[in-house]
Amino acid sequence: MRGDRVEIVIDTGDGVRAFEIEASRAGRRVEVSTNRGVVEVTEVTRNGQPVRSGRFMASRVVALVEHPSAAEAQAGEAGSRRRASPPDPRQGSLL
């Protein structure tokens, strides 16, 4: 979703360096994958076509923080405020 971003902090040996990959247009998303000691962060279109990516050695990654878009965060907050309805006493137990 547009506005999603991933922040990666890497140990460079003499300090740390931060990188950021963001879904820059509507319909794009950011995917994170870890394979064989490599962390790959990729901005992907709706069709799965990679637009921009970054590859980092997993042993050098200090922090990887996923930041949801503001719209997605607001939707999550609204959903968490709702109370679940009490169970219907006419329904039997699933156990």
C-alpha atoms as a PDB file:
ATOM      1  CA  MET A   1       0.000   0.000   0.000  1.00  0.00           C
ATOM      2  CA  ARG A   2       1.281   3.474  -0.787  1.00  0.00           C
ATOM      3  CA  GLY A   3       3.117   4.909   2.197  1.00  0.00           C
ATOM      4  CA  ASP A   4       4.318   1.567   3.560  1.00  0.00           C
ATOM      5  CA  ARG A   5       8.018   1.704   4.246  1.00  0.00           C
ATOM      6  CA  VAL A   6      10.775  -0.450   5.687  1.00  0.00           C
ATOM      7  CA  GLU A   7      13.747   0.993   7.534  1.00  0.00           C
ATOM      8  CA  ILE A   8      16.931  -1.101   7.663  1.00  0.00           C
ATOM      9  CA  VAL A   9      19.858  -0.256   9.956  1.00  0.00           C
ATOM     10  CA  ILE A  10      23.178  -1.852   8.946  1.00  0.00           C
ATOM     11  CA  ASP A  11      26.436  -2.200  10.914  1.00  0.00           C
ATOM     12  CA  THR A  12      29.229  -0.792   8.715  1.00  0.00           C
ATOM     13  CA  GLY A  13      32.087  -1.645  11.074  1.00  0.00           C
ATOM     14  CA  ASP A  14      32.770   1.923  12.148  1.00  0.00           C
ATOM     15  CA  GLY A  15      29.158   2.843  12.871  1.00  0.00           C
ATOM     16  CA  VAL A  16      25.697   2.233  11.526  1.00  0.00           C
ATOM     17  CA  ARG A  17      23.947   3.350   8.364  1.00  0.00           C
ATOM     18  CA  ALA A  18      20.187   3.503   7.786  1.00  0.00           C
ATOM     19  CA  PHE A  19      18.389   2.691   4.539  1.00  0.00           C
ATOM     20  CA  GLU A  20      14.710   3.152   3.756  1.00  0.00           C
ATOM     21  CA  ILE A  21      12.577   1.587   1.020  1.00  0.00           C
ATOM     22  CA  GLU A  22       9.067   2.980   0.564  1.00  0.00           C
ATOM     23  CA  ALA A  23       6.056   2.040  -1.576  1.00  0.00           C
ATOM     24  CA  SER A  24       6.045   5.282  -3.556  1.00  0.00           C
ATOM     25  CA  ARG A  25       2.892   4.880  -5.669  1.00  0.00           C
ATOM     26  CA  ALA A  26      -0.622   3.574  -5.203  1.00  0.00           C
ATOM     27  CA  GLY A  27      -0.904  -0.193  -5.605  1.00  0.00           C
ATOM     28  CA  ARG A  28       2.688  -0.903  -4.650  1.00  0.00           C
ATOM     29  CA  ARG A  29       3.818  -2.758  -1.568  1.00  0.00           C
ATOM     30  CA  VAL A  30       7.065  -3.551   0.220  1.00  0.00           C
ATOM     31  CA  GLU A  31       8.075  -7.173   0.754  1.00  0.00           C
ATOM     32  CA  VAL A  32      10.797  -8.482   3.065  1.00  0.00           C
ATOM     33  CA  SER A  33      12.406 -11.900   2.581  1.00  0.00           C
ATOM     34  CA  THR A  34      15.318 -13.679   4.238  1.00  0.00           C
ATOM     35  CA  ASN A  35      17.172 -16.439   2.373  1.00  0.00           C
ATOM     36  CA  ARG A  36      20.598 -17.976   3.018  1.00  0.00           C
ATOM     37  CA  GLY A  37      21.877 -15.166   5.170  1.00  0.00           C
ATOM     38  CA  VAL A  38      20.633 -12.369   2.905  1.00  0.00           C
ATOM     39  CA  VAL A  39      17.786  -9.987   3.780  1.00  0.00           C
ATOM     40  CA  GLU A  40      16.068  -8.589   0.689  1.00  0.00           C
ATOM     41  CA  VAL A  41      13.628  -5.677   0.829  1.00  0.00           C
ATOM     42  CA  THR A  42      11.727  -5.072  -2.421  1.00  0.00           C
ATOM     43  CA  GLU A  43       9.125  -2.573  -3.613  1.00  0.00           C
ATOM     44  CA  VAL A  44       6.709  -4.552  -5.792  1.00  0.00           C
ATOM     45  CA  THR A  45       3.903  -3.553  -8.174  1.00  0.00           C
ATOM     46  CA  ARG A  46       0.433  -5.142  -8.147  1.00  0.00           C
ATOM     47  CA  ASN A  47       1.607  -7.678 -10.736  1.00  0.00           C
ATOM     48  CA  GLY A  48       4.618  -8.704  -8.663  1.00  0.00           C
ATOM     49  CA  GLN A  49       7.170  -6.841 -10.801  1.00  0.00           C
ATOM     50  CA  PRO A  50      10.047  -5.581  -8.605  1.00  0.00           C
ATOM     51  CA  VAL A  51      10.649  -1.841  -8.905  1.00  0.00           C
ATOM     52  CA  ARG A  52      13.397  -1.225  -6.357  1.00  0.00           C
ATOM     53  CA  SER A  53      15.207  -3.545  -4.009  1.00  0.00           C
ATOM     54  CA  GLY A  54      17.967  -3.687  -1.455  1.00  0.00           C
ATOM     55  CA  ARG A  55      19.973  -6.735  -0.384  1.00  0.00           C
ATOM     56  CA  PHE A  56      21.825  -6.876   2.915  1.00  0.00           C
ATOM     57  CA  MET A  57      23.881  -9.514   4.722  1.00  0.00           C
ATOM     58  CA  ALA A  58      21.750 -10.762   7.609  1.00  0.00           C
ATOM     59  CA  SER A  59      24.770 -10.771   9.945  1.00  0.00           C
ATOM     60  CA  ARG A  60      25.148  -7.003   9.392  1.00  0.00           C
ATOM     61  CA  VAL A  61      21.486  -6.084   9.960  1.00  0.00           C
ATOM     62  CA  VAL A  62      21.094  -4.322  13.310  1.00  0.00           C
ATOM     63  CA  ALA A  63      17.390  -3.468  12.960  1.00  0.00           C
ATOM     64  CA  LEU A  64      14.627  -3.925  10.411  1.00  0.00           C
ATOM     65  CA  VAL A  65      11.506  -1.874  11.130  1.00  0.00           C
ATOM     66  CA  GLU A  66       8.311  -2.045   9.076  1.00  0.00           C
ATOM     67  CA  HIS A  67       6.236   1.144   9.138  1.00  0.00           C
ATOM     68  CA  PRO A  68       2.637   0.763   7.879  1.00  0.00           C
ATOM     69  CA  SER A  69       1.056   3.620   5.963  1.00  0.00           C
ATOM     70  CA  ALA A  70      -0.941   6.185   7.921  1.00  0.00           C
ATOM     71  CA  ALA A  71      -4.233   5.005   6.370  1.00  0.00           C
ATOM     72  CA  GLU A  72      -3.530   1.400   7.329  1.00  0.00           C
ATOM     73  CA  ALA A  73      -2.561   2.397  10.874  1.00  0.00           C
ATOM     74  CA  GLN A  74      -5.799   4.357  11.320  1.00  0.00           C
ATOM     75  CA  ALA A  75      -7.854   1.421  10.038  1.00  0.00           C
ATOM     76  CA  GLY A  76      -6.072  -0.865  12.532  1.00  0.00           C
ATOM     77  CA  GLU A  77      -6.799   1.470  15.423  1.00  0.00           C
ATOM     78  CA  ALA A  78     -10.491   1.701  14.533  1.00  0.00           C
ATOM     79  CA  GLY A  79     -10.724  -2.085  14.374  1.00  0.00           C
ATOM     80  CA  SER A  80      -9.066  -2.568  17.754  1.00  0.00           C
ATOM     81  CA  ARG A  81     -11.557  -0.267  19.490  1.00  0.00           C
ATOM     82  CA  ARG A  82     -14.519  -2.429  18.634  1.00  0.00           C
ATOM     83  CA  ARG A  83     -15.734  -4.820  21.228  1.00  0.00           C
ATOM     84  CA  ALA A  84     -16.480  -8.377  20.339  1.00  0.00           C
ATOM     85  CA  SER A  85     -20.117  -9.307  20.756  1.00  0.00           C
ATOM     86  CA  PRO A  86     -20.782 -11.753  23.589  1.00  0.00           C
ATOM     87  CA  PRO A  87     -21.216 -15.380  22.557  1.00  0.00           C
ATOM     88  CA  ASP A  88     -24.731 -16.498  21.742  1.00  0.00           C
ATOM     89  CA  PRO A  89     -25.911 -18.852  24.538  1.00  0.00           C
ATOM     90  CA  ARG A  90     -28.016 -20.793  21.993  1.00  0.00           C
ATOM     91  CA  GLN A  91     -24.872 -21.935  20.167  1.00  0.00           C
ATOM     92  CA  GLY A  92     -23.111 -25.025  21.392  1.00  0.00           C
ATOM     93  CA  SER A  93     -19.480 -25.145  22.411  1.00  0.00           C
ATOM     94  CA  LEU A  94     -16.861 -25.987  19.775  1.00  0.00           C
ATOM     95  CA  LEU A  95     -14.868 -28.034  22.283  1.00  0.00           C
END
